[in-house]
Amino acid sequence: MGTPEDAVLRRGVLAVAVLDDVDLEPTVDGVLVPSPSGAVRALVGWERVAQAAAGLAPESAVARLRIATLLRTEALLADGLPGTDWAGRHVRALALPAGHALHPGRGWTVERVLGGVLDVGLGLVDLPWTADGVLPLPPGAAAGRGTAGAVAAAWWPMVRDHARRMGALAAVRVGRGGRPDGATGPDEAPAVRPAGTLRPVGGCDVLTLLATRPLRSALAACDGSGMCAVAVPTRSRGWHDLRRVDPAFAGAVWSATEEAVRGVPRPLLVTRDEVTLARAGGDPAGEALDLPPALRPRADRDRRPGRHRADG
């Protein structure tokens, strides 16, 4: 830890200790974190800390979140792999787009959804430090104690089954057109969820639900075309009836959302088997702010159509 880069990384770790209240002790070889029982202290090497902050300024908010998650997870697993009951409450499948601020890299991915957009791995939920949603379980967790391979082997089948069941519940909501349980008619319209809205279910955020075949199948069958356009600007909210969503709205929400909870900036094209990202192009913000054609000056009406071509 003698280079300027090492010094910056150490400052990032100290920021985690102060701002995120993580009990830790920096050493020459890495960072020591105590287990919940206090009987064991796990050593997290500096190379793993650097990997957690890869591509980010170590003192940035997202890097701090990733470093804090790594250190807290290593502390949690220092006493040994928790049992099935604990995992059933706190471990979930998590889907993230490649390049997302929280994506831990290829070593984290357990499955990939066809289409190249979503990677799926293990996440942690309902812990004191996961108040903002599911956070990825750092790859190689508990590697120094010989249990890293056991984590995925023990938990993945259970969390995959849970995600599929939550996807099936979300698919039922899609089939009801957004009505909550017990809604049977127009008299209950004030309590009805807005049609076309997707929300988290059972600890699975919207991107994770889209990684399940039951929800993809329901969305693809909505209009009989076999494909559905879905806007998911944040991990906690999406819309699959884009006729009711302003073209510029989803992109604006994505831009205004903190990096850790962002979804995808453009609509997703969903079929039964694939999730792909719509091609970039056009000017949705400009189109949303334009006057209706009938109200534009004649010269403006003649000039503007070419401006909105998707490829030029």
Protein backbone atom coordinates (compact mmCIF):
# COMPACT_ATOMS: atom_id res chain seq x y z
CA MET A 1 0.00 0.00 0.00
CA GLY A 2 2.62 2.53 -1.07
CA THR A 3 1.37 3.95 -4.40
CA PRO A 4 -1.04 6.89 -4.81
CA GLU A 5 -3.70 4.42 -5.98
CA ASP A 6 -3.22 2.44 -2.77
CA ALA A 7 -3.63 5.58 -0.70
CA VAL A 8 -6.89 6.43 -2.49
CA LEU A 9 -8.19 2.91 -1.89
CA ARG A 10 -7.31 3.14 1.79
CA ARG A 11 -9.19 6.47 2.00
CA GLY A 12 -12.19 4.76 0.44
CA VAL A 13 -12.08 2.04 3.12
CA LEU A 14 -11.80 4.66 5.86
CA ALA A 15 -14.80 6.47 4.34
CA VAL A 16 -16.76 3.22 4.61
CA ALA A 17 -15.81 2.94 8.29
CA VAL A 18 -16.87 6.51 9.08
CA LEU A 19 -19.84 7.13 6.78
CA ASP A 20 -21.30 3.62 6.64
CA ASP A 21 -20.44 2.61 10.22
CA VAL A 22 -18.59 -0.60 9.28
CA ASP A 23 -16.41 -2.07 12.02
CA LEU A 24 -13.04 -2.66 10.34
CA GLU A 25 -9.28 -2.46 10.81
CA PRO A 26 -6.99 -1.71 7.84
CA THR A 27 -3.71 -3.66 7.87
CA VAL A 28 -0.79 -4.12 5.50
CA ASP A 29 -2.32 -7.28 4.03
CA GLY A 30 -5.94 -6.20 3.87
CA VAL A 31 -8.95 -5.21 5.97
CA LEU A 32 -9.95 -7.12 9.11
CA VAL A 33 -13.68 -7.34 9.87
CA PRO A 34 -15.17 -9.09 12.94
CA SER A 35 -17.88 -11.73 12.64
CA PRO A 36 -21.30 -11.11 14.25
CA SER A 37 -20.28 -13.30 17.21
CA GLY A 38 -16.95 -11.52 17.57
CA ALA A 39 -15.18 -14.87 17.77
CA VAL A 40 -13.56 -14.61 14.32
CA ARG A 41 -12.01 -11.80 12.29
CA ALA A 42 -11.98 -12.23 8.52
CA LEU A 43 -9.16 -10.75 6.44
CA VAL A 44 -10.28 -9.22 3.14
CA GLY A 45 -7.24 -8.70 0.90
CA TRP A 46 -6.60 -5.33 -0.73
CA GLU A 47 -6.89 -6.92 -4.17
CA ARG A 48 -10.49 -7.90 -3.42
CA VAL A 49 -11.26 -4.42 -2.12
CA ALA A 50 -9.78 -2.97 -5.32
CA GLN A 51 -11.88 -5.38 -7.38
CA ALA A 52 -15.04 -4.25 -5.57
CA ALA A 53 -14.27 -0.63 -6.50
CA ALA A 54 -13.04 -1.43 -10.02
CA GLY A 55 -13.83 1.32 -12.52
CA LEU A 56 -15.00 3.74 -9.82
CA ALA A 57 -13.45 6.40 -7.64
CA PRO A 58 -12.99 4.54 -4.31
CA GLU A 59 -14.51 7.42 -2.34
CA SER A 60 -17.62 7.69 -4.54
CA ALA A 61 -21.03 6.68 -3.16
CA VAL A 62 -21.35 3.61 -5.39
CA ALA A 63 -17.80 2.42 -4.64
CA ARG A 64 -18.44 2.85 -0.93
CA LEU A 65 -21.60 0.79 -1.25
CA ARG A 66 -19.75 -1.99 -3.08
CA ILE A 67 -16.85 -2.00 -0.62
CA ALA A 68 -19.17 -1.91 2.39
CA THR A 69 -21.21 -4.81 0.97
CA LEU A 70 -18.03 -6.86 0.47
CA LEU A 71 -16.75 -6.23 4.00
CA ARG A 72 -20.11 -6.80 5.67
CA THR A 73 -20.69 -10.01 3.73
CA GLU A 74 -17.26 -11.38 4.66
CA ALA A 75 -17.94 -10.52 8.29
CA LEU A 76 -21.35 -12.21 8.10
CA LEU A 77 -19.89 -15.43 6.68
CA ALA A 78 -16.86 -15.49 8.98
CA ASP A 79 -18.72 -17.68 11.51
CA GLY A 80 -19.63 -20.18 8.77
CA LEU A 81 -22.29 -20.60 6.09
CA PRO A 82 -25.74 -19.73 7.51
CA GLY A 83 -28.46 -22.37 7.38
CA THR A 84 -31.30 -22.83 4.91
CA ASP A 85 -33.83 -20.94 7.05
CA TRP A 86 -31.60 -17.86 7.13
CA ALA A 87 -30.96 -18.10 3.39
CA GLY A 88 -34.68 -18.39 2.70
CA ARG A 89 -35.21 -15.03 4.40
CA HIS A 90 -32.17 -13.14 3.17
CA VAL A 91 -30.90 -14.58 -0.13
CA ARG A 92 -32.58 -13.80 -3.45
CA ALA A 93 -31.88 -14.06 -7.14
CA LEU A 94 -30.79 -10.70 -8.56
CA ALA A 95 -30.67 -9.61 -12.21
CA LEU A 96 -28.48 -6.70 -13.25
CA PRO A 97 -27.58 -5.32 -16.67
CA ALA A 98 -23.96 -5.75 -17.68
CA GLY A 99 -22.22 -2.49 -16.85
CA HIS A 100 -24.63 -1.58 -14.04
CA ALA A 101 -23.01 0.31 -11.17
CA LEU A 102 -23.61 -2.61 -8.79
CA HIS A 103 -22.65 -5.44 -11.17
CA PRO A 104 -19.72 -7.25 -9.50
CA GLY A 105 -18.34 -8.71 -12.75
CA ARG A 106 -18.35 -12.06 -14.52
CA GLY A 107 -17.43 -14.04 -11.41
CA TRP A 108 -20.78 -13.14 -9.86
CA THR A 109 -23.00 -14.29 -12.73
CA VAL A 110 -24.69 -17.67 -12.35
CA GLU A 111 -27.08 -17.48 -15.33
CA ARG A 112 -27.54 -15.18 -18.32
CA VAL A 113 -30.87 -14.37 -19.91
CA LEU A 114 -30.88 -14.77 -23.69
CA GLY A 115 -30.54 -11.40 -25.38
CA GLY A 116 -27.35 -10.28 -23.65
CA VAL A 117 -28.89 -7.68 -21.34
CA LEU A 118 -29.45 -9.36 -17.96
CA ASP A 119 -27.02 -11.33 -15.81
CA VAL A 120 -28.43 -13.18 -12.81
CA GLY A 121 -26.61 -14.03 -9.59
CA LEU A 122 -27.09 -14.17 -5.83
CA GLY A 123 -28.24 -11.16 -3.83
CA LEU A 124 -28.86 -10.28 -0.19
CA VAL A 125 -32.03 -8.66 1.14
CA ASP A 126 -33.69 -7.67 4.44
CA LEU A 127 -30.41 -7.08 6.25
CA PRO A 128 -29.54 -3.88 8.15
CA TRP A 129 -27.45 -2.62 5.23
CA THR A 130 -29.86 -3.59 2.39
CA ALA A 131 -32.63 -1.12 3.17
CA ASP A 132 -32.60 0.22 -0.41
CA GLY A 133 -33.20 -3.16 -2.03
CA VAL A 134 -31.35 -6.33 -2.98
CA LEU A 135 -27.55 -6.02 -3.14
CA PRO A 136 -25.32 -8.51 -5.01
CA LEU A 137 -23.47 -11.11 -2.98
CA PRO A 138 -19.80 -10.37 -3.77
CA PRO A 139 -18.13 -13.07 -5.87
CA GLY A 140 -15.73 -15.29 -3.96
CA ALA A 141 -17.47 -14.63 -0.64
CA ALA A 142 -15.87 -16.72 2.12
CA ALA A 143 -13.18 -17.94 -0.30
CA GLY A 144 -10.51 -17.75 2.38
CA ARG A 145 -12.44 -20.21 4.53
CA GLY A 146 -13.04 -22.80 1.84
CA THR A 147 -16.80 -22.21 1.54
CA ALA A 148 -16.98 -19.97 -1.56
CA GLY A 149 -18.09 -22.79 -3.87
CA ALA A 150 -20.60 -24.00 -1.30
CA VAL A 151 -22.44 -20.66 -1.30
CA ALA A 152 -23.77 -20.90 -4.84
CA ALA A 153 -24.22 -24.67 -4.67
CA ALA A 154 -26.27 -24.44 -1.48
CA TRP A 155 -28.36 -21.37 -2.26
CA TRP A 156 -28.82 -21.06 -6.01
CA PRO A 157 -31.47 -23.79 -6.59
CA MET A 158 -33.59 -22.37 -3.77
CA VAL A 159 -33.40 -18.74 -4.89
CA ARG A 160 -33.99 -19.63 -8.55
CA ASP A 161 -37.17 -21.48 -7.59
CA HIS A 162 -38.28 -18.52 -5.45
CA ALA A 163 -37.69 -16.09 -8.34
CA ARG A 164 -39.76 -18.24 -10.68
CA ARG A 165 -42.63 -18.34 -8.21
CA MET A 166 -42.48 -14.55 -7.80
CA GLY A 167 -42.39 -14.21 -11.59
CA ALA A 168 -45.54 -16.32 -11.79
CA LEU A 169 -47.26 -14.01 -9.28
CA ALA A 170 -46.22 -10.97 -11.31
CA ALA A 171 -47.58 -12.71 -14.43
CA VAL A 172 -50.97 -13.10 -12.73
CA ARG A 173 -51.01 -9.36 -12.08
CA VAL A 174 -50.26 -8.71 -15.73
CA GLY A 175 -53.16 -10.97 -16.70
CA ARG A 176 -55.50 -9.06 -14.38
CA GLY A 177 -54.55 -5.77 -16.00
CA GLY A 178 -53.10 -4.40 -12.77
CA ARG A 179 -56.03 -5.15 -10.44
CA PRO A 180 -55.08 -6.03 -6.88
CA ASP A 181 -56.38 -9.15 -5.19
CA GLY A 182 -60.12 -8.95 -4.68
CA ALA A 183 -60.78 -6.26 -7.32
CA THR A 184 -63.70 -7.45 -9.39
CA GLY A 185 -65.16 -4.50 -11.20
CA PRO A 186 -65.25 -0.80 -12.02
CA ASP A 187 -66.66 0.10 -8.59
CA GLU A 188 -63.19 -0.60 -7.17
CA ALA A 189 -61.37 1.57 -9.71
CA PRO A 190 -59.92 4.05 -7.17
CA ALA A 191 -57.91 1.26 -5.52
CA VAL A 192 -56.72 -0.35 -8.74
CA ARG A 193 -53.01 -0.33 -9.50
CA PRO A 194 -52.28 1.69 -12.67
CA ALA A 195 -52.54 -0.61 -15.66
CA GLY A 196 -49.23 -1.66 -17.13
CA THR A 197 -47.16 -1.11 -13.97
CA LEU A 198 -44.55 -3.64 -12.83
CA ARG A 199 -43.38 -3.64 -9.20
CA PRO A 200 -41.14 -5.86 -7.05
CA VAL A 201 -42.65 -9.04 -5.66
CA GLY A 202 -41.33 -11.08 -2.73
CA GLY A 203 -37.92 -9.43 -2.63
CA CYS A 204 -37.39 -9.70 -6.40
CA ASP A 205 -37.06 -6.37 -8.21
CA VAL A 206 -38.52 -5.74 -11.66
CA LEU A 207 -35.38 -6.68 -13.60
CA THR A 208 -35.17 -9.97 -11.67
CA LEU A 209 -38.82 -10.72 -12.41
CA LEU A 210 -38.14 -10.14 -16.11
CA ALA A 211 -35.39 -12.75 -15.86
CA THR A 212 -38.08 -15.38 -15.13
CA ARG A 213 -39.92 -17.18 -17.91
CA PRO A 214 -43.42 -16.95 -16.34
CA LEU A 215 -43.45 -13.14 -16.45
CA ARG A 216 -41.79 -12.97 -19.88
CA SER A 217 -44.38 -15.37 -21.27
CA ALA A 218 -47.26 -13.33 -19.84
CA LEU A 219 -45.86 -10.08 -21.25
CA ALA A 220 -45.15 -11.59 -24.67
CA ALA A 221 -48.76 -12.80 -24.85
CA CYS A 222 -50.31 -9.45 -23.90
CA ASP A 223 -51.27 -8.39 -27.43
CA GLY A 224 -50.74 -11.65 -29.31
CA SER A 225 -47.59 -10.42 -31.08
CA GLY A 226 -45.16 -12.52 -29.06
CA MET A 227 -43.16 -9.46 -28.02
CA CYS A 228 -43.68 -6.67 -25.51
CA ALA A 229 -41.82 -3.38 -25.04
CA VAL A 230 -41.13 -2.70 -21.36
CA ALA A 231 -39.64 0.42 -19.79
CA VAL A 232 -37.68 -0.22 -16.56
CA PRO A 233 -35.84 3.01 -15.66
CA THR A 234 -35.44 1.92 -12.02
CA ARG A 235 -35.06 -1.50 -10.47
CA SER A 236 -38.25 -0.94 -8.48
CA ARG A 237 -40.62 0.25 -11.21
CA GLY A 238 -41.47 -0.62 -14.79
CA TRP A 239 -44.23 -0.17 -17.36
CA HIS A 240 -45.30 -2.63 -20.02
CA ASP A 241 -48.12 -0.62 -21.61
CA LEU A 242 -46.00 2.06 -23.26
CA ARG A 243 -49.02 3.61 -24.98
CA ARG A 244 -49.66 5.28 -21.61
CA VAL A 245 -46.07 6.42 -21.01
CA ASP A 246 -44.53 9.57 -22.50
CA PRO A 247 -41.55 8.57 -24.69
CA ALA A 248 -39.24 10.91 -22.77
CA PHE A 249 -40.47 9.94 -19.32
CA ALA A 250 -38.59 6.66 -18.84
CA GLY A 251 -35.27 8.17 -19.92
CA ALA A 252 -35.79 11.16 -17.64
CA VAL A 253 -36.54 8.90 -14.67
CA TRP A 254 -33.40 6.85 -15.38
CA SER A 255 -31.25 10.00 -15.54
CA ALA A 256 -32.70 11.37 -12.30
CA THR A 257 -32.28 8.12 -10.34
CA GLU A 258 -29.24 7.26 -8.21
CA GLU A 259 -26.87 4.90 -9.99
CA ALA A 260 -27.32 2.02 -7.54
CA VAL A 261 -31.08 1.80 -8.14
CA ARG A 262 -31.15 2.53 -11.86
CA GLY A 263 -32.62 0.06 -14.29
CA VAL A 264 -32.04 0.47 -18.03
CA PRO A 265 -32.09 3.73 -20.01
CA ARG A 266 -34.08 2.48 -23.02
CA PRO A 267 -37.08 0.17 -23.42
CA LEU A 268 -36.54 -3.59 -23.26
CA LEU A 269 -37.99 -5.89 -25.90
CA VAL A 270 -39.29 -8.98 -24.13
CA THR A 271 -40.22 -12.34 -25.64
CA ARG A 272 -40.84 -15.66 -23.94
CA ASP A 273 -37.15 -16.53 -24.08
CA GLU A 274 -35.24 -13.26 -24.53
CA VAL A 275 -34.76 -9.77 -23.14
CA THR A 276 -33.03 -7.33 -25.48
CA LEU A 277 -32.43 -3.58 -25.38
CA ALA A 278 -34.14 -1.39 -27.96
CA ARG A 279 -31.78 0.26 -30.43
CA ALA A 280 -30.63 3.75 -29.52
CA GLY A 281 -31.80 6.61 -31.71
CA GLY A 282 -34.46 9.23 -32.23
CA ASP A 283 -35.17 12.23 -30.03
CA PRO A 284 -37.90 11.27 -27.55
CA ALA A 285 -37.35 14.35 -25.39
CA GLY A 286 -37.62 16.65 -28.41
CA GLU A 287 -40.74 14.90 -29.66
CA ALA A 288 -42.34 15.12 -26.22
CA LEU A 289 -41.73 18.88 -26.09
CA ASP A 290 -42.75 19.64 -29.68
CA LEU A 291 -46.01 21.36 -30.51
CA PRO A 292 -48.64 19.18 -32.17
CA PRO A 293 -48.16 19.26 -35.98
CA ALA A 294 -51.35 21.28 -36.52
CA LEU A 295 -50.02 24.10 -34.30
CA ARG A 296 -46.52 24.38 -35.79
CA PRO A 297 -45.60 27.11 -38.29
CA ARG A 298 -45.60 25.79 -41.85
CA ALA A 299 -41.80 26.11 -42.26
CA ASP A 300 -41.33 24.21 -39.00
CA ARG A 301 -43.70 21.45 -40.13
CA ASP A 302 -41.68 21.02 -43.33
CA ARG A 303 -38.33 20.90 -41.49
CA ARG A 304 -38.94 18.82 -38.37
CA PRO A 305 -39.81 15.32 -39.64
CA GLY A 306 -36.25 14.63 -40.80
CA ARG A 307 -34.91 15.64 -37.42
CA HIS A 308 -36.68 12.74 -35.71
CA ARG A 309 -35.44 9.91 -37.89
CA ALA A 310 -34.02 7.20 -35.65
CA ASP A 311 -30.77 6.91 -37.62
CA GLY A 312 -30.14 10.43 -38.67
